[in-house]
Amino acid sequence: VRIRNVTKTSFKINLQEWRYLDGSHQTEQITYMVLRQGTTYTLPGPDNIKIRAGSSTIAKDEIYMTSCGEGSDKEGYKEQMFGFGVSLTNPIVLTSLTSYENGHSKPLTTRIWDVDSNKFKIAMQLEENKKNVSLTKNETFSWIAIEQGVSEDTIHLPKWSMEVGNAIDSNQTFYDTDEEILSTISFDFNST
C-alpha cells in the first residue's frame, strides 16, 4: 500500500506490487489508522498502552538491498527517533511510504529493524531484480509505534478491545518462513 497527499481530512491510497508479479486481482480490503503526528496517546486498559506517530523524510540513498542466497546488505538507512525524551516499552513499529516522489514506475516499500524503546532503523527497498535502478528523489514515510499489551474501552460505545504483541513465541526457535508473521495487532470492535 502506498499513501500520498495526506491532509487533515483525507489521503490518497494506491495498491502497488512488484512489477514482475503484475497480474489480475480480486477486490482488496484495506484497514487504516489515523493519528496526529508528534502526539503520544495512552489507551485505557490494564496495560496503559502508549501509541506515538510521526513522519519524516528518507533519503534516496537509504536503500535496503538484498542478495539472493547471500544474506542482506543494508547499504544505507535512517535511524528514526520516536521523539525527544519519548520512551516506549517493547514497541511494535508500522511504517508506510507517504509520497510518490520517484513515480509509480518504481515500486518501493519500507524495511525496519533494530527497534528499541527510543528509535528504529528504516530503509526503502526496491524490487530485487531492480537493484541497478537508482532513485532520484527523497521520499516521505510515516510511522506508528505501539507498545505491546492489552487495551480496551468497555464503558463507551462502541465498546472495543485491542491486543498488541508478538505472534512468535519467544521460546520458539523455528517457524515456517512461508508464514511471515512477526507481529500482530488485533482489534475487536463490538457495537452494542
C-alpha atoms as a PDB file:
ATOM      1  CA  VAL A   1       0.000   0.000   0.000  1.00  0.00           C
ATOM      2  CA  ARG A   2       1.305   3.463  -0.903  1.00  0.00           C
ATOM      3  CA  ILE A   3      -0.234   6.603   0.542  1.00  0.00           C
ATOM      4  CA  ARG A   4       0.108  10.176  -0.715  1.00  0.00           C
ATOM      5  CA  ASN A   5      -1.436  13.637  -0.488  1.00  0.00           C
ATOM      6  CA  VAL A   6      -2.070  13.322   3.252  1.00  0.00           C
ATOM      7  CA  THR A   7      -4.052  16.233   4.694  1.00  0.00           C
ATOM      8  CA  LYS A   8      -6.024  16.750   7.914  1.00  0.00           C
ATOM      9  CA  THR A   9      -9.197  15.418   6.261  1.00  0.00           C
ATOM     10  CA  SER A  10      -8.116  12.958   3.548  1.00  0.00           C
ATOM     11  CA  PHE A  11      -5.415  10.947   1.791  1.00  0.00           C
ATOM     12  CA  LYS A  12      -4.999   9.007  -1.440  1.00  0.00           C
ATOM     13  CA  ILE A  13      -4.107   5.352  -1.388  1.00  0.00           C
ATOM     14  CA  ASN A  14      -2.780   3.016  -4.051  1.00  0.00           C
ATOM     15  CA  LEU A  15      -2.044  -0.689  -4.078  1.00  0.00           C
ATOM     16  CA  GLN A  16       1.334  -1.300  -5.664  1.00  0.00           C
ATOM     17  CA  GLU A  17       3.119  -4.527  -6.432  1.00  0.00           C
ATOM     18  CA  TRP A  18       6.463  -5.630  -7.712  1.00  0.00           C
ATOM     19  CA  ARG A  19       6.402  -5.282 -11.494  1.00  0.00           C
ATOM     20  CA  TYR A  20       7.316  -8.930 -12.080  1.00  0.00           C
ATOM     21  CA  LEU A  21       4.209 -10.008 -10.119  1.00  0.00           C
ATOM     22  CA  ASP A  22       1.760  -7.873 -12.101  1.00  0.00           C
ATOM     23  CA  GLY A  23      -1.407  -9.791 -12.809  1.00  0.00           C
ATOM     24  CA  SER A  24      -5.138  -9.904 -12.225  1.00  0.00           C
ATOM     25  CA  HIS A  25      -6.546  -9.099  -8.796  1.00  0.00           C
ATOM     26  CA  GLN A  26      -9.604  -9.512  -6.682  1.00  0.00           C
ATOM     27  CA  THR A  27     -11.108  -6.754  -4.578  1.00  0.00           C
ATOM     28  CA  GLU A  28      -8.865  -5.876  -1.637  1.00  0.00           C
ATOM     29  CA  GLN A  29      -9.884  -4.541   1.769  1.00  0.00           C
ATOM     30  CA  ILE A  30      -7.610  -2.002   3.435  1.00  0.00           C
ATOM     31  CA  THR A  31      -7.699  -1.099   7.109  1.00  0.00           C
ATOM     32  CA  TYR A  32      -6.085   2.121   8.277  1.00  0.00           C
ATOM     33  CA  MET A  33      -5.375   4.046  11.449  1.00  0.00           C
ATOM     34  CA  VAL A  34      -5.159   7.842  11.685  1.00  0.00           C
ATOM     35  CA  LEU A  35      -3.152   9.556  14.443  1.00  0.00           C
ATOM     36  CA  ARG A  36      -1.792  13.073  14.883  1.00  0.00           C
ATOM     37  CA  GLN A  37       1.973  13.002  14.469  1.00  0.00           C
ATOM     38  CA  GLY A  38       4.095  14.095  17.401  1.00  0.00           C
ATOM     39  CA  THR A  39       1.442  13.176  19.972  1.00  0.00           C
ATOM     40  CA  THR A  40       1.735  10.265  22.412  1.00  0.00           C
ATOM     41  CA  TYR A  41      -1.606   8.639  23.226  1.00  0.00           C
ATOM     42  CA  THR A  42      -2.191   6.442  26.285  1.00  0.00           C
ATOM     43  CA  LEU A  43      -5.014   3.969  25.733  1.00  0.00           C
ATOM     44  CA  PRO A  44      -7.308   2.766  28.540  1.00  0.00           C
ATOM     45  CA  GLY A  45      -6.917  -0.752  29.826  1.00  0.00           C
ATOM     46  CA  PRO A  46      -4.810  -2.911  32.090  1.00  0.00           C
ATOM     47  CA  ASP A  47      -1.501  -2.172  30.331  1.00  0.00           C
ATOM     48  CA  ASN A  48      -1.867   1.581  29.589  1.00  0.00           C
ATOM     49  CA  ILE A  49      -0.535   1.068  26.064  1.00  0.00           C
ATOM     50  CA  LYS A  50       1.143   4.116  24.535  1.00  0.00           C
ATOM     51  CA  ILE A  51       0.968   4.904  20.814  1.00  0.00           C
ATOM     52  CA  ARG A  52       3.030   7.549  19.020  1.00  0.00           C
ATOM     53  CA  ALA A  53       3.011   8.576  15.353  1.00  0.00           C
ATOM     54  CA  GLY A  54       5.405  10.555  13.224  1.00  0.00           C
ATOM     55  CA  SER A  55       6.556  11.370   9.723  1.00  0.00           C
ATOM     56  CA  SER A  56       9.975  12.049   8.239  1.00  0.00           C
ATOM     57  CA  THR A  57      11.997  12.116   5.028  1.00  0.00           C
ATOM     58  CA  ILE A  58      14.050   9.154   3.895  1.00  0.00           C
ATOM     59  CA  ALA A  59      16.943   9.910   1.554  1.00  0.00           C
ATOM     60  CA  LYS A  60      17.157   8.457  -1.945  1.00  0.00           C
ATOM     61  CA  ASP A  61      20.348   6.569  -0.997  1.00  0.00           C
ATOM     62  CA  GLU A  62      18.898   4.974   2.156  1.00  0.00           C
ATOM     63  CA  ILE A  63      18.213   1.704   0.351  1.00  0.00           C
ATOM     64  CA  TYR A  64      17.991  -1.813   1.793  1.00  0.00           C
ATOM     65  CA  MET A  65      19.485  -4.228  -0.720  1.00  0.00           C
ATOM     66  CA  THR A  66      19.071  -7.997  -0.678  1.00  0.00           C
ATOM     67  CA  SER A  67      21.224 -10.552  -2.395  1.00  0.00           C
ATOM     68  CA  CYS A  68      19.647 -13.924  -3.115  1.00  0.00           C
ATOM     69  CA  GLY A  69      21.440 -16.588  -1.106  1.00  0.00           C
ATOM     70  CA  GLU A  70      23.971 -14.142   0.275  1.00  0.00           C
ATOM     71  CA  GLY A  71      22.054 -12.640   3.191  1.00  0.00           C
ATOM     72  CA  SER A  72      21.308  -8.961   3.285  1.00  0.00           C
ATOM     73  CA  ASP A  73      23.324  -5.834   2.737  1.00  0.00           C
ATOM     74  CA  LYS A  74      21.938  -2.767   4.475  1.00  0.00           C
ATOM     75  CA  GLU A  75      23.705  -0.212   2.274  1.00  0.00           C
ATOM     76  CA  GLY A  76      22.017   2.847   3.697  1.00  0.00           C
ATOM     77  CA  TYR A  77      19.449   3.513   6.359  1.00  0.00           C
ATOM     78  CA  LYS A  78      17.986   6.192   8.591  1.00  0.00           C
ATOM     79  CA  GLU A  79      17.820   5.990  12.355  1.00  0.00           C
ATOM     80  CA  GLN A  80      14.439   7.409  13.398  1.00  0.00           C
ATOM     81  CA  MET A  81      13.810   8.556  16.959  1.00  0.00           C
ATOM     82  CA  PHE A  82      10.315   8.383  18.494  1.00  0.00           C
ATOM     83  CA  GLY A  83      10.775  11.940  19.778  1.00  0.00           C
ATOM     84  CA  PHE A  84      12.869  13.884  22.252  1.00  0.00           C
ATOM     85  CA  GLY A  85      12.532  12.217  25.654  1.00  0.00           C
ATOM     86  CA  VAL A  86       9.993   9.664  24.362  1.00  0.00           C
ATOM     87  CA  SER A  87      10.454   6.082  25.506  1.00  0.00           C
ATOM     88  CA  LEU A  88       8.090   3.216  24.672  1.00  0.00           C
ATOM     89  CA  THR A  89       8.149  -0.221  26.293  1.00  0.00           C
ATOM     90  CA  ASN A  90       8.768  -3.056  23.816  1.00  0.00           C
ATOM     91  CA  PRO A  91       7.131  -1.276  20.838  1.00  0.00           C
ATOM     92  CA  ILE A  92       5.996  -2.641  17.506  1.00  0.00           C
ATOM     93  CA  VAL A  93       6.539  -0.208  14.610  1.00  0.00           C
ATOM     94  CA  LEU A  94       4.386   0.095  11.474  1.00  0.00           C
ATOM     95  CA  THR A  95       5.634   2.195   8.541  1.00  0.00           C
ATOM     96  CA  SER A  96       4.418   3.263   5.128  1.00  0.00           C
ATOM     97  CA  LEU A  97       5.778   5.472   2.391  1.00  0.00           C
ATOM     98  CA  THR A  98       3.534   8.529   2.103  1.00  0.00           C
ATOM     99  CA  SER A  99       4.833  10.107  -1.097  1.00  0.00           C
ATOM    100  CA  TYR A 100       5.416   9.239  -4.759  1.00  0.00           C
ATOM    101  CA  GLU A 101       8.460  11.403  -5.464  1.00  0.00           C
ATOM    102  CA  ASN A 102      10.086   8.696  -7.635  1.00  0.00           C
ATOM    103  CA  GLY A 103       6.903   7.995  -9.601  1.00  0.00           C
ATOM    104  CA  HIS A 104       4.659   4.961  -9.985  1.00  0.00           C
ATOM    105  CA  SER A 105       7.140   3.018 -12.136  1.00  0.00           C
ATOM    106  CA  LYS A 106       9.399   2.217  -9.173  1.00  0.00           C
ATOM    107  CA  PRO A 107       7.555   0.154  -6.567  1.00  0.00           C
ATOM    108  CA  LEU A 108       9.036   0.746  -3.106  1.00  0.00           C
ATOM    109  CA  THR A 109       8.395  -0.455   0.407  1.00  0.00           C
ATOM    110  CA  THR A 110       9.992   0.143   3.777  1.00  0.00           C
ATOM    111  CA  ARG A 111      12.118  -2.232   5.837  1.00  0.00           C
ATOM    112  CA  ILE A 112      12.615  -1.700   9.574  1.00  0.00           C
ATOM    113  CA  TRP A 113      14.892  -3.360  12.118  1.00  0.00           C
ATOM    114  CA  ASP A 114      16.676  -2.753  15.437  1.00  0.00           C
ATOM    115  CA  VAL A 115      13.528  -1.405  17.113  1.00  0.00           C
ATOM    116  CA  ASP A 116      14.141  -0.355  20.714  1.00  0.00           C
ATOM    117  CA  SER A 117      12.412   1.874  23.262  1.00  0.00           C
ATOM    118  CA  ASN A 118      13.585   5.135  21.636  1.00  0.00           C
ATOM    119  CA  LYS A 119      14.224   4.509  17.935  1.00  0.00           C
ATOM    120  CA  PHE A 120      14.308   2.197  14.929  1.00  0.00           C
ATOM    121  CA  LYS A 121      16.253   1.843  11.685  1.00  0.00           C
ATOM    122  CA  ILE A 122      14.437   2.208   8.370  1.00  0.00           C
ATOM    123  CA  ALA A 123      15.349   1.946   4.692  1.00  0.00           C
ATOM    124  CA  MET A 124      13.490   1.811   1.403  1.00  0.00           C
ATOM    125  CA  GLN A 125      13.538  -1.427  -0.544  1.00  0.00           C
ATOM    126  CA  LEU A 126      13.343  -1.699  -4.314  1.00  0.00           C
ATOM    127  CA  GLU A 127      12.228  -4.763  -6.217  1.00  0.00           C
ATOM    128  CA  GLU A 128      15.075  -7.329  -6.054  1.00  0.00           C
ATOM    129  CA  ASN A 129      15.523  -7.550  -9.812  1.00  0.00           C
ATOM    130  CA  LYS A 130      15.757  -3.732  -9.971  1.00  0.00           C
ATOM    131  CA  LYS A 131      18.972  -3.407  -7.933  1.00  0.00           C
ATOM    132  CA  ASN A 132      20.678  -1.320 -10.589  1.00  0.00           C
ATOM    133  CA  VAL A 133      17.836   1.201 -10.635  1.00  0.00           C
ATOM    134  CA  SER A 134      18.607   4.304  -8.639  1.00  0.00           C
ATOM    135  CA  LEU A 135      16.191   6.680  -7.007  1.00  0.00           C
ATOM    136  CA  THR A 136      16.443  10.332  -7.949  1.00  0.00           C
ATOM    137  CA  LYS A 137      14.417  11.875  -5.124  1.00  0.00           C
ATOM    138  CA  ASN A 138      13.870  11.506  -1.387  1.00  0.00           C
ATOM    139  CA  GLU A 139      10.575  10.044  -0.137  1.00  0.00           C
ATOM    140  CA  THR A 140       8.408  10.691   2.916  1.00  0.00           C
ATOM    141  CA  PHE A 141       7.447   7.930   5.305  1.00  0.00           C
ATOM    142  CA  SER A 142       5.039   7.843   8.225  1.00  0.00           C
ATOM    143  CA  TRP A 143       5.265   5.563  11.227  1.00  0.00           C
ATOM    144  CA  ILE A 144       3.244   4.410  14.219  1.00  0.00           C
ATOM    145  CA  ALA A 145       4.917   2.877  17.280  1.00  0.00           C
ATOM    146  CA  ILE A 146       2.651   0.879  19.611  1.00  0.00           C
ATOM    147  CA  GLU A 147       3.610  -0.673  22.919  1.00  0.00           C
ATOM    148  CA  GLN A 148       2.733  -4.327  23.332  1.00  0.00           C
ATOM    149  CA  GLY A 149      -0.125  -5.151  25.680  1.00  0.00           C
ATOM    150  CA  VAL A 150      -3.898  -5.066  26.036  1.00  0.00           C
ATOM    151  CA  SER A 151      -6.166  -2.048  25.809  1.00  0.00           C
ATOM    152  CA  GLU A 152      -9.926  -1.837  25.965  1.00  0.00           C
ATOM    153  CA  ASP A 153     -12.824   0.504  26.495  1.00  0.00           C
ATOM    154  CA  THR A 154     -15.880  -1.310  27.813  1.00  0.00           C
ATOM    155  CA  ILE A 155     -17.617   1.841  29.075  1.00  0.00           C
ATOM    156  CA  HIS A 156     -18.093   3.985  25.965  1.00  0.00           C
ATOM    157  CA  LEU A 157     -19.839   2.975  22.759  1.00  0.00           C
ATOM    158  CA  PRO A 158     -18.780   1.346  20.610  1.00  0.00           C
ATOM    159  CA  LYS A 159     -17.025  -0.992  23.038  1.00  0.00           C
ATOM    160  CA  TRP A 160     -13.636  -2.132  21.805  1.00  0.00           C
ATOM    161  CA  SER A 161     -10.504  -4.059  22.734  1.00  0.00           C
ATOM    162  CA  MET A 162      -7.036  -4.245  21.225  1.00  0.00           C
ATOM    163  CA  GLU A 163      -4.152  -6.613  21.801  1.00  0.00           C
ATOM    164  CA  VAL A 164      -0.673  -5.858  20.506  1.00  0.00           C
ATOM    165  CA  GLY A 165       2.058  -8.494  20.709  1.00  0.00           C
ATOM    166  CA  ASN A 166       4.464 -10.847  19.043  1.00  0.00           C
ATOM    167  CA  ALA A 167       2.940 -13.695  17.070  1.00  0.00           C
ATOM    168  CA  ILE A 168       6.091 -15.751  17.528  1.00  0.00           C
ATOM    169  CA  ASP A 169       6.645 -17.333  20.937  1.00  0.00           C
ATOM    170  CA  SER A 170       9.971 -16.140  22.365  1.00  0.00           C
ATOM    171  CA  ASN A 171      10.875 -19.776  23.179  1.00  0.00           C
ATOM    172  CA  GLN A 172      10.201 -20.899  19.621  1.00  0.00           C
ATOM    173  CA  THR A 173      13.388 -21.469  17.636  1.00  0.00           C
ATOM    174  CA  PHE A 174      11.859 -22.436  14.264  1.00  0.00           C
ATOM    175  CA  TYR A 175       8.886 -21.238  12.288  1.00  0.00           C
ATOM    176  CA  ASP A 176       7.633 -21.701   8.753  1.00  0.00           C
ATOM    177  CA  THR A 177       9.041 -18.812   6.705  1.00  0.00           C
ATOM    178  CA  ASP A 178       6.068 -19.085   4.339  1.00  0.00           C
ATOM    179  CA  GLU A 179       4.082 -17.555   7.195  1.00  0.00           C
ATOM    180  CA  GLU A 180       5.983 -14.322   7.687  1.00  0.00           C
ATOM    181  CA  ILE A 181       4.073 -13.147  10.756  1.00  0.00           C
ATOM    182  CA  LEU A 182       6.386 -11.274  13.077  1.00  0.00           C
ATOM    183  CA  SER A 183       3.964  -9.039  14.966  1.00  0.00           C
ATOM    184  CA  THR A 184       0.222  -8.835  15.323  1.00  0.00           C
ATOM    185  CA  ILE A 185      -2.240  -6.166  16.214  1.00  0.00           C
ATOM    186  CA  SER A 186      -5.814  -7.289  16.588  1.00  0.00           C
ATOM    187  CA  PHE A 187      -8.845  -5.082  17.026  1.00  0.00           C
ATOM    188  CA  ASP A 188     -12.224  -6.219  18.234  1.00  0.00           C
ATOM    189  CA  PHE A 189     -14.925  -3.567  17.879  1.00  0.00           C
ATOM    190  CA  ASN A 190     -18.287  -4.565  19.300  1.00  0.00           C
ATOM    191  CA  SER A 191     -21.137  -2.149  18.850  1.00  0.00           C
ATOM    192  CA  THR A 192     -23.898  -2.736  21.355  1.00  0.00           C
END
